[in-house]
N, C-alpha and C. Protein backbone atom coordinates (compact mmCIF):
# COMPACT_ATOMS: atom_id res chain seq x y z
N MET A 1 -9.74 -4.00 -0.01
CA MET A 1 -8.97 -2.29 0.15
C MET A 1 -8.49 -2.39 -1.48
N ILE A 2 -7.57 -3.29 -2.17
CA ILE A 2 -7.13 -3.39 -3.58
C ILE A 2 -7.89 -2.15 -4.60
N PRO A 3 -10.09 -3.02 -4.41
CA PRO A 3 -10.42 -1.72 -5.18
C PRO A 3 -9.63 -0.24 -5.24
N GLN A 4 -10.06 0.37 -3.95
CA GLN A 4 -9.45 1.10 -3.51
C GLN A 4 -8.23 1.73 -3.93
N LEU A 5 -7.39 0.89 -3.76
CA LEU A 5 -5.83 1.23 -4.41
C LEU A 5 -5.57 1.72 -5.31
N ARG A 6 -6.18 0.64 -6.52
CA ARG A 6 -6.30 0.53 -8.16
C ARG A 6 -7.11 2.31 -8.57
N GLY A 7 -8.33 2.71 -7.99
CA GLY A 7 -8.49 3.59 -7.66
C GLY A 7 -7.84 5.07 -7.68
N TRP A 8 -6.95 4.82 -6.76
CA TRP A 8 -6.25 5.62 -6.51
C TRP A 8 -4.66 5.95 -7.06
N HIS A 9 -4.54 4.39 -7.84
CA HIS A 9 -3.49 4.68 -8.31
C HIS A 9 -3.81 4.99 -10.05
N GLU A 10 -4.89 4.99 -10.56
CA GLU A 10 -5.83 5.64 -11.51
C GLU A 10 -5.82 7.29 -11.57
N ARG A 11 -6.65 7.86 -10.89
CA ARG A 11 -6.38 8.66 -10.13
C ARG A 11 -5.54 9.60 -9.86
N TYR A 12 -4.23 9.59 -9.29
CA TYR A 12 -3.31 9.96 -8.50
C TYR A 12 -1.98 10.04 -9.19
N THR A 13 -1.66 9.11 -9.85
CA THR A 13 -0.80 8.86 -10.08
C THR A 13 0.22 9.78 -11.10
N SER A 14 -0.46 10.46 -11.54
CA SER A 14 -0.14 11.34 -12.97
C SER A 14 -0.05 12.56 -12.31
N ARG A 15 -0.64 12.57 -10.66
CA ARG A 15 -0.11 13.85 -9.73
C ARG A 15 0.88 13.57 -8.73
N GLY A 16 1.85 12.46 -8.89
CA GLY A 16 3.04 12.04 -8.71
C GLY A 16 2.54 11.04 -7.27
N LEU A 17 1.42 10.46 -7.61
CA LEU A 17 1.26 9.37 -6.16
C LEU A 17 1.89 8.03 -6.41
N THR A 18 2.87 7.22 -5.52
CA THR A 18 3.21 5.98 -6.01
C THR A 18 2.71 5.10 -4.95
N ILE A 19 1.86 4.26 -5.40
CA ILE A 19 1.73 3.26 -4.72
C ILE A 19 2.39 1.70 -4.66
N ILE A 20 2.60 1.33 -3.15
CA ILE A 20 3.91 -0.08 -3.41
C ILE A 20 3.36 -0.96 -2.79
N GLY A 21 2.11 -1.65 -3.02
CA GLY A 21 1.96 -2.91 -2.16
C GLY A 21 3.02 -3.96 -1.57
N VAL A 22 2.56 -3.96 -0.05
CA VAL A 22 3.43 -4.94 0.94
C VAL A 22 3.12 -6.29 0.90
N HIS A 23 3.28 -7.63 0.58
CA HIS A 23 2.96 -8.74 0.76
C HIS A 23 3.82 -8.91 1.41
N THR A 24 3.63 -9.73 3.34
CA THR A 24 4.28 -9.97 4.15
C THR A 24 2.79 -11.33 4.79
N PRO A 25 3.60 -12.09 3.54
CA PRO A 25 3.21 -13.55 4.35
C PRO A 25 2.52 -13.73 5.78
N GLU A 26 1.51 -14.48 6.08
CA GLU A 26 1.33 -14.83 7.46
C GLU A 26 1.46 -16.06 7.30
N PHE A 27 1.44 -17.13 6.62
CA PHE A 27 1.76 -18.55 6.53
C PHE A 27 2.79 -18.41 6.05
N PHE A 28 3.62 -20.19 5.42
CA PHE A 28 4.56 -20.29 4.37
C PHE A 28 4.33 -20.69 3.17
N TRP A 29 3.17 -20.83 2.93
CA TRP A 29 2.67 -21.41 1.51
C TRP A 29 2.48 -19.78 1.07
N GLU A 30 2.40 -18.49 1.89
CA GLU A 30 2.01 -17.57 1.15
C GLU A 30 3.48 -17.27 0.45
N LYS A 31 4.34 -17.49 0.86
CA LYS A 31 5.50 -17.12 0.57
C LYS A 31 5.90 -17.62 -1.17
N PRO A 32 6.18 -18.26 -1.87
CA PRO A 32 6.59 -18.49 -2.87
C PRO A 32 6.56 -16.76 -4.07
N ALA A 33 7.14 -16.34 -4.79
CA ALA A 33 7.11 -15.22 -5.12
C ALA A 33 6.01 -15.48 -6.59
N ASP A 34 6.20 -17.07 -7.24
CA ASP A 34 4.67 -17.16 -8.08
C ASP A 34 3.53 -17.15 -7.79
N LYS A 35 3.50 -17.07 -6.67
CA LYS A 35 2.02 -17.30 -5.96
C LYS A 35 1.70 -15.88 -5.68
N VAL A 36 2.85 -15.08 -5.35
CA VAL A 36 2.45 -13.64 -5.11
C VAL A 36 2.33 -12.75 -6.70
N ALA A 37 2.81 -13.32 -7.36
CA ALA A 37 2.96 -12.74 -9.04
C ALA A 37 1.37 -13.42 -9.72
N ASP A 38 1.27 -14.46 -9.54
CA ASP A 38 -0.25 -14.84 -9.76
C ASP A 38 -1.22 -14.03 -8.84
N ALA A 39 -1.09 -13.82 -8.02
CA ALA A 39 -2.51 -13.35 -7.09
C ALA A 39 -2.54 -11.80 -8.03
N ARG A 40 -1.51 -10.95 -8.02
CA ARG A 40 -0.76 -9.90 -8.43
C ARG A 40 -1.58 -9.78 -10.00
N GLN A 41 -1.74 -10.76 -11.09
CA GLN A 41 -2.34 -10.54 -11.72
C GLN A 41 -4.03 -11.02 -12.33
N ARG A 42 -4.02 -12.04 -10.99
CA ARG A 42 -5.79 -12.29 -11.00
C ARG A 42 -6.42 -11.59 -10.25
N LEU A 43 -5.58 -10.50 -9.44
CA LEU A 43 -6.47 -9.90 -8.99
C LEU A 43 -6.40 -7.78 -9.92
N GLY A 44 -5.75 -7.89 -10.65
CA GLY A 44 -5.73 -6.86 -11.93
C GLY A 44 -4.56 -5.47 -11.20
N ILE A 45 -3.82 -6.24 -9.88
CA ILE A 45 -2.89 -4.83 -9.38
C ILE A 45 -2.19 -4.43 -10.17
N PRO A 46 -2.28 -3.44 -10.67
CA PRO A 46 -1.80 -2.26 -11.65
C PRO A 46 -0.13 -1.80 -10.93
N TYR A 47 -0.14 -1.86 -9.29
CA TYR A 47 0.73 -0.97 -8.85
C TYR A 47 2.09 -2.33 -8.02
N PRO A 48 3.74 -2.18 -8.32
CA PRO A 48 4.15 -2.82 -7.78
C PRO A 48 4.32 -3.80 -6.97
N VAL A 49 4.00 -4.87 -6.25
CA VAL A 49 4.33 -5.66 -4.97
C VAL A 49 5.57 -5.85 -4.52
N LEU A 50 6.09 -5.49 -3.46
CA LEU A 50 6.88 -5.90 -2.40
C LEU A 50 7.01 -6.74 -1.77
N GLN A 51 7.49 -8.24 -1.95
CA GLN A 51 7.61 -9.53 -0.69
C GLN A 51 8.36 -9.43 0.18
N ASP A 52 7.87 -9.26 1.51
CA ASP A 52 8.48 -8.84 2.35
C ASP A 52 8.09 -10.24 3.33
N ASN A 53 8.74 -11.45 2.88
CA ASN A 53 8.38 -12.81 3.60
C ASN A 53 9.56 -12.86 4.87
N ASP A 54 10.78 -11.63 5.18
CA ASP A 54 10.93 -11.67 6.27
C ASP A 54 10.23 -10.51 7.34
N HIS A 55 9.55 -10.07 7.00
CA HIS A 55 8.64 -8.37 7.65
C HIS A 55 9.76 -7.61 7.82
N THR A 56 10.54 -7.43 7.09
CA THR A 56 11.24 -6.07 7.45
C THR A 56 10.48 -4.85 7.17
N VAL A 57 10.00 -4.81 6.35
CA VAL A 57 9.02 -3.32 6.21
C VAL A 57 7.85 -3.81 7.11
N TRP A 58 7.35 -4.60 7.31
CA TRP A 58 6.23 -4.81 8.73
C TRP A 58 6.67 -3.89 9.81
N LYS A 59 7.43 -5.04 9.71
CA LYS A 59 9.05 -3.93 11.55
C LYS A 59 9.13 -3.02 11.72
N ARG A 60 9.72 -2.59 10.30
CA ARG A 60 9.85 -1.02 10.19
C ARG A 60 9.47 -0.19 10.24
N TYR A 61 7.66 -0.25 9.47
CA TYR A 61 6.77 1.07 9.85
C TYR A 61 5.31 0.31 10.89
N GLY A 62 5.75 -0.82 11.94
CA GLY A 62 5.27 -0.59 12.99
C GLY A 62 4.23 -1.58 12.91
N VAL A 63 3.62 -2.27 11.54
CA VAL A 63 2.34 -2.96 11.24
C VAL A 63 2.15 -3.58 12.60
N TRP A 64 1.09 -4.21 12.15
CA TRP A 64 0.41 -5.56 13.50
C TRP A 64 -0.71 -5.93 13.29
N ALA A 65 -0.87 -5.55 12.21
CA ALA A 65 -2.35 -6.10 11.17
C ALA A 65 -2.48 -6.34 9.57
N TRP A 66 -3.16 -7.37 9.03
CA TRP A 66 -3.35 -7.01 8.04
C TRP A 66 -4.72 -6.15 7.34
N PRO A 67 -5.33 -5.71 6.53
CA PRO A 67 -4.34 -4.45 6.26
C PRO A 67 -4.06 -3.64 6.76
N THR A 68 -2.57 -2.98 6.27
CA THR A 68 -2.12 -1.71 7.22
C THR A 68 -2.29 -0.82 5.97
N LEU A 69 -2.36 0.44 6.03
CA LEU A 69 -2.47 1.33 4.54
C LEU A 69 -1.58 2.50 5.45
N VAL A 70 -0.55 2.82 4.95
CA VAL A 70 0.45 3.69 5.42
C VAL A 70 0.83 4.56 4.43
N LEU A 71 0.51 6.32 4.73
CA LEU A 71 1.19 6.91 3.51
C LEU A 71 2.09 7.82 3.94
N VAL A 72 3.36 8.13 3.28
CA VAL A 72 4.29 8.81 3.74
C VAL A 72 4.42 9.81 2.43
N ASP A 73 4.84 11.21 3.41
CA ASP A 73 4.61 12.58 2.31
C ASP A 73 6.00 12.22 1.67
N LYS A 74 6.79 13.89 0.70
CA LYS A 74 7.58 13.36 -0.09
C LYS A 74 8.96 13.53 0.84
N ARG A 75 9.05 14.13 1.63
CA ARG A 75 10.28 13.35 2.55
C ARG A 75 10.46 12.40 3.04
N GLY A 76 9.07 11.92 3.25
CA GLY A 76 9.45 10.09 3.11
C GLY A 76 8.94 9.91 4.78
N VAL A 77 8.24 10.92 5.35
CA VAL A 77 7.52 11.02 6.65
C VAL A 77 6.11 10.38 6.89
N VAL A 78 6.21 9.36 7.52
CA VAL A 78 4.24 8.75 8.10
C VAL A 78 4.00 9.71 8.15
N ARG A 79 2.74 10.24 7.84
CA ARG A 79 2.05 11.20 7.89
C ARG A 79 0.25 10.59 8.30
N TYR A 80 0.47 9.06 7.68
CA TYR A 80 -1.19 8.75 7.97
C TYR A 80 -0.90 6.80 8.13
N ARG A 81 -1.93 6.61 9.18
CA ARG A 81 -1.74 5.29 8.97
C ARG A 81 -3.13 4.97 9.50
N HIS A 82 -3.62 3.83 8.73
CA HIS A 82 -5.04 3.17 9.11
C HIS A 82 -5.07 1.53 9.02
N VAL A 83 -5.49 1.31 10.22
CA VAL A 83 -5.16 -0.28 9.93
C VAL A 83 -6.56 -0.80 9.82
N GLY A 84 -7.26 -1.83 8.79
CA GLY A 84 -8.13 -2.84 8.57
C GLY A 84 -8.89 -1.97 7.06
N GLU A 85 -10.16 -2.71 7.11
CA GLU A 85 -10.69 -1.72 6.00
C GLU A 85 -11.32 -0.78 6.28
N GLY A 86 -12.05 0.18 5.10
CA GLY A 86 -12.42 1.66 5.92
C GLY A 86 -11.71 2.87 6.04
N ALA A 87 -12.57 3.64 6.19
CA ALA A 87 -11.82 4.82 6.08
C ALA A 87 -11.22 5.58 4.82
N TYR A 88 -11.82 5.16 3.62
CA TYR A 88 -11.50 5.15 2.37
C TYR A 88 -11.71 6.86 1.99
N ALA A 89 -12.61 7.57 2.30
CA ALA A 89 -12.78 8.72 2.50
C ALA A 89 -11.49 9.49 2.91
N ASP A 90 -11.42 9.44 4.22
CA ASP A 90 -10.33 10.01 5.09
C ASP A 90 -8.85 9.78 4.66
N THR A 91 -8.92 8.57 4.02
CA THR A 91 -7.71 8.71 3.39
C THR A 91 -7.35 9.00 1.77
N GLU A 92 -8.37 9.04 1.33
CA GLU A 92 -8.26 9.67 -0.44
C GLU A 92 -8.43 11.44 0.08
N ALA A 93 -8.94 11.82 0.92
CA ALA A 93 -8.58 13.51 1.42
C ALA A 93 -7.31 13.54 1.86
N MET A 94 -6.74 12.75 2.37
CA MET A 94 -5.10 12.81 2.87
C MET A 94 -4.34 12.55 1.97
N ILE A 95 -4.54 11.46 0.58
CA ILE A 95 -4.21 11.70 -0.20
C ILE A 95 -3.90 12.98 -0.91
N THR A 96 -4.77 13.17 -1.24
CA THR A 96 -4.78 14.93 -2.06
C THR A 96 -4.17 15.69 -1.39
N THR A 97 -4.37 15.62 0.22
CA THR A 97 -3.69 17.05 1.05
C THR A 97 -2.10 16.84 0.52
N LEU A 98 -1.48 15.73 0.88
CA LEU A 98 0.28 15.11 0.57
C LEU A 98 0.56 16.09 -1.01
N LEU A 99 -0.55 15.58 -1.98
CA LEU A 99 -0.13 15.81 -3.12
C LEU A 99 0.19 17.01 -3.53
N ALA A 100 -1.10 18.02 -2.85
CA ALA A 100 -1.07 19.81 -2.71
C ALA A 100 0.45 19.78 -2.23
N GLU A 101 0.88 19.15 -1.35
CA GLU A 101 2.27 20.01 -0.58
C GLU A 101 3.33 20.10 -1.45
N SER A 102 3.74 21.16 -1.32
CA SER A 102 5.11 21.28 -2.40
C SER A 102 6.39 20.55 -1.57
N GLY A 103 7.26 20.49 -2.21
CA GLY A 103 8.11 19.77 -1.99
C GLY A 103 8.93 18.61 -2.14
C-alpha cells in the first residue's frame, strides 16, 4: 500500500489531497517514535505519519485490521473505507471523485 500512497501523494497533493499515515502498533516494540521515524525514512514516505500508540485514531474510525485506508471528504465525512491490500483502482477513482467535489 505504501507505493500507492506515495503515488497518490505525488499526483494529487497539488489538487488538494492530504495523506496522513497513522501508525497504530500491534506490539510494544513498534511504539518508539525513533523506530517509526526510521521506517518512514527507509520506506521513503513523503507524507506525515501520526503515531497512534494508544489506538485513539484506530478506535475513532472503527479500524479493526492492518492496513485500513479511510478517505474523508472536505467536510470531514468518511466517504470510503478499504480493509487490506488491493482495490487500488477503486480507491484512486474515489480520490478523484472527492477532489472534484466543491466545498
